[in-house]
Protein backbone atom coordinates (compact mmCIF):
# COMPACT_ATOMS: atom_id res chain seq x y z
CA ASP A 1 -8.75 22.64 1.08
CA GLN A 2 -8.70 19.03 -0.10
CA HIS A 3 -11.35 19.53 -2.79
CA THR A 4 -9.38 22.37 -4.35
CA LYS A 5 -6.23 20.26 -4.20
CA ARG A 6 -7.98 17.42 -6.04
CA GLU A 7 -9.38 19.80 -8.67
CA MET A 8 -5.97 21.33 -9.31
CA LEU A 9 -4.35 17.91 -9.61
CA GLU A 10 -7.06 16.77 -12.04
CA ARG A 11 -6.38 19.83 -14.16
CA SER A 12 -2.64 19.18 -13.97
CA LEU A 13 -3.16 15.56 -15.02
CA GLU A 14 -5.18 16.60 -18.05
CA ILE A 15 -2.48 19.05 -19.15
CA LYS A 16 0.36 16.59 -18.61
CA GLU A 17 -1.42 13.79 -20.47
CA LYS A 18 -1.94 16.09 -23.45
CA HIS A 19 1.62 17.39 -23.38
CA TYR A 20 3.58 14.23 -22.49
CA GLY A 21 1.18 11.39 -23.28
CA PRO A 22 -0.36 8.94 -20.80
CA GLU A 23 2.79 6.82 -20.34
CA HIS A 24 5.12 9.57 -19.10
CA LEU A 25 6.62 9.62 -15.61
CA GLU A 26 5.29 13.14 -15.01
CA VAL A 27 1.81 11.71 -15.54
CA ALA A 28 2.56 8.86 -13.10
CA THR A 29 3.68 11.32 -10.43
CA THR A 30 0.52 13.36 -10.83
CA LEU A 31 -1.59 10.19 -10.74
CA HIS A 32 0.09 9.21 -7.48
CA ASN A 33 -0.57 12.63 -5.94
CA LEU A 34 -4.14 12.63 -7.21
CA ALA A 35 -4.68 9.17 -5.74
CA ASN A 36 -3.60 10.45 -2.34
CA ALA A 37 -5.95 13.41 -2.69
CA HIS A 38 -8.84 11.04 -3.40
CA GLY A 39 -7.84 8.96 -0.40
CA ASP A 40 -7.80 12.06 1.80
CA LEU A 41 -11.33 12.79 0.60
CA GLY A 42 -12.50 9.29 1.54
CA ASP A 43 -12.60 7.79 -1.96
CA PRO A 44 -10.48 4.62 -1.73
CA HIS A 45 -11.86 3.17 -4.98
CA THR A 46 -10.54 6.05 -7.07
CA LYS A 47 -7.35 6.08 -5.00
CA ARG A 48 -6.74 2.44 -5.93
CA GLU A 49 -7.49 3.04 -9.62
CA MET A 50 -5.12 6.03 -9.84
CA LEU A 51 -2.35 4.19 -8.02
CA GLN A 52 -2.75 1.20 -10.33
CA ARG A 53 -2.36 3.45 -13.37
CA ALA A 54 0.69 5.15 -11.83
CA LEU A 55 2.22 1.78 -11.01
CA GLU A 56 1.86 0.53 -14.59
CA VAL A 57 3.70 3.57 -15.96
CA GLN A 58 6.40 3.40 -13.29
CA GLU A 59 7.09 -0.29 -13.85
CA LYS A 60 7.47 0.29 -17.60
CA HIS A 61 10.07 3.00 -16.98
CA TYR A 62 11.86 1.78 -13.86
CA GLY A 63 11.26 -1.96 -13.73
CA PRO A 64 9.65 -3.80 -10.81
CA ASP A 65 12.38 -3.30 -8.19
CA HIS A 66 12.79 0.49 -8.14
CA PHE A 67 12.14 2.44 -4.92
CA VAL A 68 9.52 4.62 -6.65
CA VAL A 69 7.62 1.47 -7.61
CA ALA A 70 7.94 0.22 -4.01
CA ARG A 71 6.40 3.45 -2.69
CA THR A 72 3.45 3.13 -5.03
CA LEU A 73 3.00 -0.55 -4.17
CA HIS A 74 2.93 0.37 -0.48
CA ASN A 75 0.26 3.01 -1.06
CA LEU A 76 -1.70 0.63 -3.28
CA ALA A 77 -1.60 -2.01 -0.55
CA ASN A 78 -2.98 0.54 1.91
CA ALA A 79 -5.76 1.37 -0.56
CA HIS A 80 -6.73 -2.31 -0.62
CA GLY A 81 -6.81 -2.24 3.17
CA ASP A 82 -9.02 0.85 3.10
CA LEU A 83 -11.38 -1.07 0.80
CA GLY A 84 -11.67 -3.90 3.32
CA ASP A 85 -9.28 -6.32 1.64
CA PRO A 86 -6.63 -7.06 4.27
CA HIS A 87 -5.55 -10.25 2.48
CA THR A 88 -4.45 -8.39 -0.65
CA LYS A 89 -2.89 -5.67 1.49
CA ARG A 90 -0.84 -8.24 3.41
CA GLU A 91 0.25 -10.02 0.21
CA MET A 92 1.38 -6.76 -1.38
CA LEU A 93 3.39 -5.72 1.67
CA GLN A 94 5.32 -9.00 1.87
């Protein structure tokens, strides 16, 4: 179920942050997956926070124009929409 998925991803994030450090791409990938799990559970605030953290790591490693960054930006824009901020969502998707 979704709660178990979130719990497993939280555990994975903790392990990866200890092993790789908080700025590693493995951590960013887990943050992205965990953000989606929070979104699936109806927690758009945490989804947005996790995606923002993932985006910061990805941009440091890939730069601002990489397709992985674009995917995270798209999901982050949707999180803003879920939080009732269509203006920010629209700006991010342009």
